[in-house]
Structure formats: C-alpha cells, structure tokens
Amino acid sequence: MLLHVATTVLAGLVTASISTGTSATRPAGGPTADARRLTCDARAHRYVADRARSVIRWKGTKFRGLGSHEGTVGLRSGEVCVGRDGAVRATFVAEMPTLRVTDIPEAEPRANLEQHLRSADFFHVASHPEARLVVTDVRHENRSLHRLSGTLTIRGTTHPVTFYARVWTRTPTHLRAQATLVVDRHRFGVAYRGSTLRDDLVDDTFTIELAVDARAP
C-alpha cells in the first residue's frame, strides 16, 4: 500500500510536475509563512475554488513501482488572489478524512486500505485532519506555464515546495488550473515501511494531482 495524496495547484488550471525539497522540474510537453487563512487585499482579484468541480487525486506505489494504489481527497477550501501588480497568492486545504481509494472494486479490502491510510502509520487523520498548500510566489514563464513556490503541510509538518503549473482558463470570473507534485513522504513523517523483514514495501514518494476550478465570488 502506498499513497499518493493529492492536494495542490493554484492560479489557473495547471498541469505540472513538482518535487518537494528539490529544484523544480519543467513538465514534459505540453510561504515562507503558512497562514491559516489567505487574506486578499481589497484591490486584489479573488477566485474561490468550486469544491464540486475541483479534484484532488493521489497515487502511491509499492515494490519500486511494480504495484500502486490511487484515489481522491476532498478539497475543503481554495482561494487565489491576483494583485493589481500581478502578484499571486493562494491557499488550498485538503480534507484528509475524505481520503478514498478508487482502484480496488471490492468493498472490504478497499475499506481496510482507506482505514490504514488514515491511521497513524500514514496520515494520522484523527490528529491532522487537514493538508495545506500555500503559494507565495508565482513566476510567469509563458502565456500558460507558471513556476510556483510556497509551502506544503502534511501531518502537521511544513516544507517548502517549488513546482510548475499550467493555466487552462483565466477570465475575470473564471480560473482553471492543474498541477502535479511528487512528494517525499518521509519528510512529512509518513514513514510506514510495510514489513519488519523488508522495508521496501511502500515506495518513498507519492504523487498529488490537483485540478482547480475557481470562480470570482
């Protein structure tokens, strides 16, 4: 069992490849401070994520990629602020108790894995019901591609992240974007190995994909 918790993206609809704690990698082809709530300047343009239309997907691998599991996590809230000077700030919060497995059709093993992923072995959801992505800096590389920097908080642990995101739609009233983060789970205390004899059942990284559909309030 491995998990790829999903949670991330920001201004616009983005497609990206991300890694935490390492330099950003440009996708192939086509904060310093983690505030509890983003506050938009009165003159900033504000977008609020539509939770029904926005999607967080996770994927985790095991046995060095020979096996995998994937699923979803609900988005509790998401907000993007675009200032008059073009500066972008964003906050996205994942609702960890909603973590679901989508690749196991049988009800009992699916429920067992979901329970295990929510346990202290992995995300310790009872003590850490939220995961949070805060974007504090955006550099525009071309019309749709952006380089994002900020912080990711999982299981109460926060680390800086840098990643690319691609904006699909941006109008005064509508913003869609998509991004992908590859996360080293051990940096966030998600340290379960899976066996007392072999410590390589669960691979060291998991993937978060976030597609955001946001509207001006």
C-alpha atoms as a PDB file:
ATOM      1  CA  MET A   1       0.000   0.000   0.000  1.00  0.00           C
ATOM      2  CA  LEU A   2       1.268   3.332  -0.791  1.00  0.00           C
ATOM      3  CA  LEU A   3      -0.303   6.533  -1.054  1.00  0.00           C
ATOM      4  CA  HIS A   4      -0.324   9.426  -3.257  1.00  0.00           C
ATOM      5  CA  VAL A   5      -2.263  12.069  -1.522  1.00  0.00           C
ATOM      6  CA  ALA A   6      -3.480  14.773  -3.625  1.00  0.00           C
ATOM      7  CA  THR A   7      -3.580  18.380  -2.899  1.00  0.00           C
ATOM      8  CA  THR A   8      -2.149  21.308  -4.944  1.00  0.00           C
ATOM      9  CA  VAL A   9      -2.399  23.895  -7.635  1.00  0.00           C
ATOM     10  CA  LEU A  10      -3.139  27.437  -7.875  1.00  0.00           C
ATOM     11  CA  ALA A  11      -3.992  30.343 -10.064  1.00  0.00           C
ATOM     12  CA  GLY A  12      -5.496  28.963 -13.175  1.00  0.00           C
ATOM     13  CA  LEU A  13      -5.816  25.443 -14.467  1.00  0.00           C
ATOM     14  CA  VAL A  14      -2.491  23.789 -14.288  1.00  0.00           C
ATOM     15  CA  THR A  15      -0.619  20.762 -15.470  1.00  0.00           C
ATOM     16  CA  ALA A  16       2.604  20.303 -13.702  1.00  0.00           C
ATOM     17  CA  SER A  17       5.358  18.212 -12.337  1.00  0.00           C
ATOM     18  CA  ILE A  18       6.516  19.023  -8.852  1.00  0.00           C
ATOM     19  CA  SER A  19       9.019  17.874  -6.301  1.00  0.00           C
ATOM     20  CA  THR A  20       9.418  18.900  -2.683  1.00  0.00           C
ATOM     21  CA  GLY A  21      12.782  19.827  -1.306  1.00  0.00           C
ATOM     22  CA  THR A  22      14.444  19.768  -4.723  1.00  0.00           C
ATOM     23  CA  SER A  23      14.667  22.054  -7.698  1.00  0.00           C
ATOM     24  CA  ALA A  24      11.584  22.330  -9.864  1.00  0.00           C
ATOM     25  CA  THR A  25      11.329  20.217 -12.992  1.00  0.00           C
ATOM     26  CA  ARG A  26       9.659  21.642 -16.067  1.00  0.00           C
ATOM     27  CA  PRO A  27       6.766  19.411 -17.164  1.00  0.00           C
ATOM     28  CA  ALA A  28       7.333  17.446 -20.325  1.00  0.00           C
ATOM     29  CA  GLY A  29       5.353  18.761 -23.244  1.00  0.00           C
ATOM     30  CA  GLY A  30       2.567  20.216 -23.357  1.00  0.00           C
ATOM     31  CA  PRO A  31       5.455  30.509   2.211  1.00  0.00           C
ATOM     32  CA  THR A  32       7.656  31.267   3.771  1.00  0.00           C
ATOM     33  CA  ALA A  33       4.792  31.604   6.278  1.00  0.00           C
ATOM     34  CA  ASP A  34       1.850  29.199   6.245  1.00  0.00           C
ATOM     35  CA  ALA A  35      -1.114  31.415   7.181  1.00  0.00           C
ATOM     36  CA  ARG A  36      -4.219  29.708   8.459  1.00  0.00           C
ATOM     37  CA  ARG A  37      -6.273  31.760   6.027  1.00  0.00           C
ATOM     38  CA  LEU A  38      -5.366  33.751   2.955  1.00  0.00           C
ATOM     39  CA  THR A  39      -6.413  37.388   3.136  1.00  0.00           C
ATOM     40  CA  CYS A  40      -6.957  39.128  -0.184  1.00  0.00           C
ATOM     41  CA  ASP A  41      -6.082  42.786  -0.473  1.00  0.00           C
ATOM     42  CA  ALA A  42      -9.175  44.886  -1.121  1.00  0.00           C
ATOM     43  CA  ARG A  43      -7.868  45.722  -4.602  1.00  0.00           C
ATOM     44  CA  ALA A  44      -6.876  42.145  -5.471  1.00  0.00           C
ATOM     45  CA  HIS A  45      -8.899  39.948  -7.802  1.00  0.00           C
ATOM     46  CA  ARG A  46     -10.200  36.956  -5.831  1.00  0.00           C
ATOM     47  CA  TYR A  47     -11.170  33.486  -7.026  1.00  0.00           C
ATOM     48  CA  VAL A  48     -12.771  30.821  -4.809  1.00  0.00           C
ATOM     49  CA  ALA A  49     -12.445  27.128  -5.694  1.00  0.00           C
ATOM     50  CA  ASP A  50     -15.629  25.270  -6.565  1.00  0.00           C
ATOM     51  CA  ARG A  51     -15.331  22.152  -4.394  1.00  0.00           C
ATOM     52  CA  ALA A  52     -17.696  20.151  -6.596  1.00  0.00           C
ATOM     53  CA  ARG A  53     -15.679  20.885  -9.747  1.00  0.00           C
ATOM     54  CA  SER A  54     -12.173  20.800  -8.279  1.00  0.00           C
ATOM     55  CA  VAL A  55     -10.421  17.440  -7.896  1.00  0.00           C
ATOM     56  CA  ILE A  56      -7.529  16.202  -5.750  1.00  0.00           C
ATOM     57  CA  ARG A  57      -6.098  12.844  -6.791  1.00  0.00           C
ATOM     58  CA  TRP A  58      -3.343  10.832  -5.140  1.00  0.00           C
ATOM     59  CA  LYS A  59      -1.268   7.894  -6.290  1.00  0.00           C
ATOM     60  CA  GLY A  60       1.181   5.755  -4.342  1.00  0.00           C
ATOM     61  CA  THR A  61       3.430   2.934  -5.476  1.00  0.00           C
ATOM     62  CA  LYS A  62       4.995  -0.119  -3.841  1.00  0.00           C
ATOM     63  CA  PHE A  63       7.732  -2.622  -4.634  1.00  0.00           C
ATOM     64  CA  ARG A  64       9.649   0.052  -6.576  1.00  0.00           C
ATOM     65  CA  GLY A  65       6.755   0.844  -8.824  1.00  0.00           C
ATOM     66  CA  LEU A  66       5.589  -2.716  -9.519  1.00  0.00           C
ATOM     67  CA  GLY A  67       2.328  -2.058  -7.714  1.00  0.00           C
ATOM     68  CA  SER A  68       0.255   1.006  -6.924  1.00  0.00           C
ATOM     69  CA  HIS A  69      -2.915   2.393  -5.391  1.00  0.00           C
ATOM     70  CA  GLU A  70      -4.728   5.609  -6.142  1.00  0.00           C
ATOM     71  CA  GLY A  71      -7.703   7.626  -5.034  1.00  0.00           C
ATOM     72  CA  THR A  72      -9.042  11.027  -4.119  1.00  0.00           C
ATOM     73  CA  VAL A  73      -9.170  13.511  -1.261  1.00  0.00           C
ATOM     74  CA  GLY A  74     -11.817  16.203  -0.902  1.00  0.00           C
ATOM     75  CA  LEU A  75     -10.927  19.885  -1.192  1.00  0.00           C
ATOM     76  CA  ARG A  76     -12.138  21.732   1.897  1.00  0.00           C
ATOM     77  CA  SER A  77     -11.318  25.198   0.572  1.00  0.00           C
ATOM     78  CA  GLY A  78      -9.287  27.005  -2.044  1.00  0.00           C
ATOM     79  CA  GLU A  79      -8.658  30.664  -2.727  1.00  0.00           C
ATOM     80  CA  VAL A  80      -6.485  32.569  -5.216  1.00  0.00           C
ATOM     81  CA  CYS A  81      -5.679  36.266  -5.032  1.00  0.00           C
ATOM     82  CA  VAL A  82      -4.232  38.110  -8.019  1.00  0.00           C
ATOM     83  CA  GLY A  83      -2.990  41.588  -7.114  1.00  0.00           C
ATOM     84  CA  ARG A  84      -3.036  44.637  -9.344  1.00  0.00           C
ATOM     85  CA  ASP A  85       0.711  44.195  -9.778  1.00  0.00           C
ATOM     86  CA  GLY A  86       0.195  40.612 -10.976  1.00  0.00           C
ATOM     87  CA  ALA A  87       1.420  39.047  -7.722  1.00  0.00           C
ATOM     88  CA  VAL A  88      -0.395  35.799  -6.918  1.00  0.00           C
ATOM     89  CA  ARG A  89      -1.102  34.263  -3.512  1.00  0.00           C
ATOM     90  CA  ALA A  90      -3.140  31.115  -2.968  1.00  0.00           C
ATOM     91  CA  THR A  91      -4.180  28.646  -0.284  1.00  0.00           C
ATOM     92  CA  PHE A  92      -5.672  25.173  -0.793  1.00  0.00           C
ATOM     93  CA  VAL A  93      -6.804  22.902   2.040  1.00  0.00           C
ATOM     94  CA  ALA A  94      -7.422  19.162   1.640  1.00  0.00           C
ATOM     95  CA  GLU A  95      -9.938  17.430   3.905  1.00  0.00           C
ATOM     96  CA  MET A  96      -7.979  14.321   4.913  1.00  0.00           C
ATOM     97  CA  PRO A  97     -10.867  12.336   6.498  1.00  0.00           C
ATOM     98  CA  THR A  98     -12.381  12.159   2.990  1.00  0.00           C
ATOM     99  CA  LEU A  99      -9.418  10.163   1.663  1.00  0.00           C
ATOM    100  CA  ARG A 100     -10.738   7.456  -0.639  1.00  0.00           C
ATOM    101  CA  VAL A 101      -9.233   4.552  -2.605  1.00  0.00           C
ATOM    102  CA  THR A 102     -10.593   4.243  -6.152  1.00  0.00           C
ATOM    103  CA  ASP A 103      -8.643   1.341  -7.686  1.00  0.00           C
ATOM    104  CA  ILE A 104      -9.996  -1.516  -5.503  1.00  0.00           C
ATOM    105  CA  PRO A 105     -13.503  -2.647  -6.531  1.00  0.00           C
ATOM    106  CA  GLU A 106     -14.104  -4.965  -3.548  1.00  0.00           C
ATOM    107  CA  ALA A 107     -15.667  -3.119  -0.600  1.00  0.00           C
ATOM    108  CA  GLU A 108     -13.852  -4.827   2.290  1.00  0.00           C
ATOM    109  CA  PRO A 109     -10.235  -4.569   1.074  1.00  0.00           C
ATOM    110  CA  ARG A 110     -10.916  -1.033  -0.147  1.00  0.00           C
ATOM    111  CA  ALA A 111     -12.233  -0.017   3.283  1.00  0.00           C
ATOM    112  CA  ASN A 112      -9.264  -1.711   5.015  1.00  0.00           C
ATOM    113  CA  LEU A 113      -6.766   0.244   2.922  1.00  0.00           C
ATOM    114  CA  GLU A 114      -8.609   3.516   3.453  1.00  0.00           C
ATOM    115  CA  GLN A 115      -8.596   2.919   7.194  1.00  0.00           C
ATOM    116  CA  HIS A 116      -4.880   2.121   7.146  1.00  0.00           C
ATOM    117  CA  LEU A 117      -4.026   5.239   5.131  1.00  0.00           C
ATOM    118  CA  ARG A 118      -5.963   7.384   7.596  1.00  0.00           C
ATOM    119  CA  SER A 119      -4.187   5.763  10.561  1.00  0.00           C
ATOM    120  CA  ALA A 120      -1.012   6.870  12.379  1.00  0.00           C
ATOM    121  CA  ASP A 121       1.025   4.618  10.054  1.00  0.00           C
ATOM    122  CA  PHE A 122       0.355   7.098   7.256  1.00  0.00           C
ATOM    123  CA  PHE A 123      -1.562  10.380   7.522  1.00  0.00           C
ATOM    124  CA  HIS A 124      -2.822  10.206  11.126  1.00  0.00           C
ATOM    125  CA  VAL A 125      -6.055  11.869  10.088  1.00  0.00           C
ATOM    126  CA  ALA A 126      -7.529  11.905  13.605  1.00  0.00           C
ATOM    127  CA  SER A 127      -4.778  14.299  14.723  1.00  0.00           C
ATOM    128  CA  HIS A 128      -4.144  16.030  11.390  1.00  0.00           C
ATOM    129  CA  PRO A 129      -7.449  16.395   9.518  1.00  0.00           C
ATOM    130  CA  GLU A 130      -6.056  18.936   7.042  1.00  0.00           C
ATOM    131  CA  ALA A 131      -3.268  19.089   4.491  1.00  0.00           C
ATOM    132  CA  ARG A 132      -2.444  22.545   3.162  1.00  0.00           C
ATOM    133  CA  LEU A 133      -0.733  24.077   0.138  1.00  0.00           C
ATOM    134  CA  VAL A 134       0.180  27.759   0.353  1.00  0.00           C
ATOM    135  CA  VAL A 135       1.507  29.530  -2.754  1.00  0.00           C
ATOM    136  CA  THR A 136       3.534  32.646  -2.035  1.00  0.00           C
ATOM    137  CA  ASP A 137       5.296  33.324  -5.331  1.00  0.00           C
ATOM    138  CA  VAL A 138       4.427  32.801  -8.999  1.00  0.00           C
ATOM    139  CA  ARG A 139       6.766  33.422 -11.919  1.00  0.00           C
ATOM    140  CA  HIS A 140       5.203  33.556 -15.365  1.00  0.00           C
ATOM    141  CA  GLU A 141       7.254  31.635 -17.930  1.00  0.00           C
ATOM    142  CA  ASN A 142       4.882  31.965 -20.862  1.00  0.00           C
ATOM    143  CA  ARG A 143       1.196  32.512 -21.542  1.00  0.00           C
ATOM    144  CA  SER A 144       0.056  29.432 -19.625  1.00  0.00           C
ATOM    145  CA  LEU A 145       3.083  27.983 -17.789  1.00  0.00           C
ATOM    146  CA  HIS A 146       3.932  29.251 -14.308  1.00  0.00           C
ATOM    147  CA  ARG A 147       6.599  28.393 -11.742  1.00  0.00           C
ATOM    148  CA  LEU A 148       5.098  28.291  -8.241  1.00  0.00           C
ATOM    149  CA  SER A 149       6.770  28.391  -4.847  1.00  0.00           C
ATOM    150  CA  GLY A 150       5.308  28.083  -1.377  1.00  0.00           C
ATOM    151  CA  THR A 151       4.811  25.517   1.372  1.00  0.00           C
ATOM    152  CA  LEU A 152       3.118  22.143   1.722  1.00  0.00           C
ATOM    153  CA  THR A 153       1.843  20.936   5.104  1.00  0.00           C
ATOM    154  CA  ILE A 154       1.053  17.257   5.672  1.00  0.00           C
ATOM    155  CA  ARG A 155       0.593  15.601   9.040  1.00  0.00           C
ATOM    156  CA  GLY A 156       1.381  18.883  10.776  1.00  0.00           C
ATOM    157  CA  THR A 157       4.800  19.181   9.118  1.00  0.00           C
ATOM    158  CA  THR A 158       5.555  22.013   6.692  1.00  0.00           C
ATOM    159  CA  HIS A 159       8.237  22.124   3.990  1.00  0.00           C
ATOM    160  CA  PRO A 160       8.904  24.458   1.050  1.00  0.00           C
ATOM    161  CA  VAL A 161       7.836  23.341  -2.422  1.00  0.00           C
ATOM    162  CA  THR A 162       8.510  24.572  -5.939  1.00  0.00           C
ATOM    163  CA  PHE A 163       6.628  23.289  -8.966  1.00  0.00           C
ATOM    164  CA  TYR A 164       5.216  24.164 -12.382  1.00  0.00           C
ATOM    165  CA  ALA A 165       1.541  24.706 -13.093  1.00  0.00           C
ATOM    166  CA  ARG A 166      -0.374  25.317 -16.275  1.00  0.00           C
ATOM    167  CA  VAL A 167      -3.325  27.664 -16.537  1.00  0.00           C
ATOM    168  CA  TRP A 168      -6.089  26.470 -18.836  1.00  0.00           C
ATOM    169  CA  THR A 169      -8.624  29.244 -18.318  1.00  0.00           C
ATOM    170  CA  ARG A 170      -8.343  32.695 -16.841  1.00  0.00           C
ATOM    171  CA  THR A 171     -11.029  35.332 -17.220  1.00  0.00           C
ATOM    172  CA  PRO A 172     -12.213  37.991 -14.755  1.00  0.00           C
ATOM    173  CA  THR A 173     -14.774  35.476 -13.444  1.00  0.00           C
ATOM    174  CA  HIS A 174     -13.283  32.011 -14.017  1.00  0.00           C
ATOM    175  CA  LEU A 175      -9.957  30.320 -13.312  1.00  0.00           C
ATOM    176  CA  ARG A 176      -8.963  26.709 -14.068  1.00  0.00           C
ATOM    177  CA  ALA A 177      -5.541  25.170 -13.468  1.00  0.00           C
ATOM    178  CA  GLN A 178      -3.843  21.807 -12.905  1.00  0.00           C
ATOM    179  CA  ALA A 179      -0.613  20.719 -11.213  1.00  0.00           C
ATOM    180  CA  THR A 180       1.225  17.601 -10.033  1.00  0.00           C
ATOM    181  CA  LEU A 181       3.528  17.247  -7.022  1.00  0.00           C
ATOM    182  CA  VAL A 182       5.877  14.370  -6.282  1.00  0.00           C
ATOM    183  CA  VAL A 183       6.315  14.279  -2.507  1.00  0.00           C
ATOM    184  CA  ASP A 184       8.969  12.583  -0.387  1.00  0.00           C
ATOM    185  CA  ARG A 185       6.666  11.152   2.283  1.00  0.00           C
ATOM    186  CA  HIS A 186       9.421  10.691   4.891  1.00  0.00           C
ATOM    187  CA  ARG A 187       9.952  14.455   5.113  1.00  0.00           C
ATOM    188  CA  PHE A 188       6.366  14.741   6.357  1.00  0.00           C
ATOM    189  CA  GLY A 189       6.510  11.873   8.845  1.00  0.00           C
ATOM    190  CA  VAL A 190       4.614   9.395   6.650  1.00  0.00           C
ATOM    191  CA  ALA A 191       7.191   6.734   7.417  1.00  0.00           C
ATOM    192  CA  TYR A 192       5.379   3.374   7.264  1.00  0.00           C
ATOM    193  CA  ARG A 193       7.550   0.740   5.537  1.00  0.00           C
ATOM    194  CA  GLY A 194       5.181  -2.196   5.442  1.00  0.00           C
ATOM    195  CA  SER A 195       7.232  -5.105   6.785  1.00  0.00           C
ATOM    196  CA  THR A 196       9.538  -5.974   9.671  1.00  0.00           C
ATOM    197  CA  LEU A 197      11.591  -8.201   7.357  1.00  0.00           C
ATOM    198  CA  ARG A 198      11.714  -5.987   4.263  1.00  0.00           C
ATOM    199  CA  ASP A 199      11.489  -2.213   4.450  1.00  0.00           C
ATOM    200  CA  ASP A 200      10.746  -1.622   0.783  1.00  0.00           C
ATOM    201  CA  LEU A 201       7.050  -2.464   0.516  1.00  0.00           C
ATOM    202  CA  VAL A 202       5.945   1.178   0.236  1.00  0.00           C
ATOM    203  CA  ASP A 203       7.960   3.436  -2.074  1.00  0.00           C
ATOM    204  CA  ASP A 204       9.411   6.685  -0.749  1.00  0.00           C
ATOM    205  CA  THR A 205       7.431   9.145  -2.868  1.00  0.00           C
ATOM    206  CA  PHE A 206       3.790   9.672  -3.691  1.00  0.00           C
ATOM    207  CA  THR A 207       2.039  11.881  -6.205  1.00  0.00           C
ATOM    208  CA  ILE A 208      -0.503  14.629  -5.691  1.00  0.00           C
ATOM    209  CA  GLU A 209      -2.509  15.959  -8.616  1.00  0.00           C
ATOM    210  CA  LEU A 210      -4.797  18.935  -8.215  1.00  0.00           C
ATOM    211  CA  ALA A 211      -7.214  20.328 -10.783  1.00  0.00           C
ATOM    212  CA  VAL A 212      -8.811  23.561  -9.628  1.00  0.00           C
ATOM    213  CA  ASP A 213     -11.918  25.201 -10.993  1.00  0.00           C
ATOM    214  CA  ALA A 214     -12.392  28.581  -9.304  1.00  0.00           C
ATOM    215  CA  ARG A 215     -14.837  31.459  -9.747  1.00  0.00           C
ATOM    216  CA  ALA A 216     -14.924  35.075  -8.703  1.00  0.00           C
ATOM    217  CA  PRO A 217     -17.312  35.396  -5.742  1.00  0.00           C
END
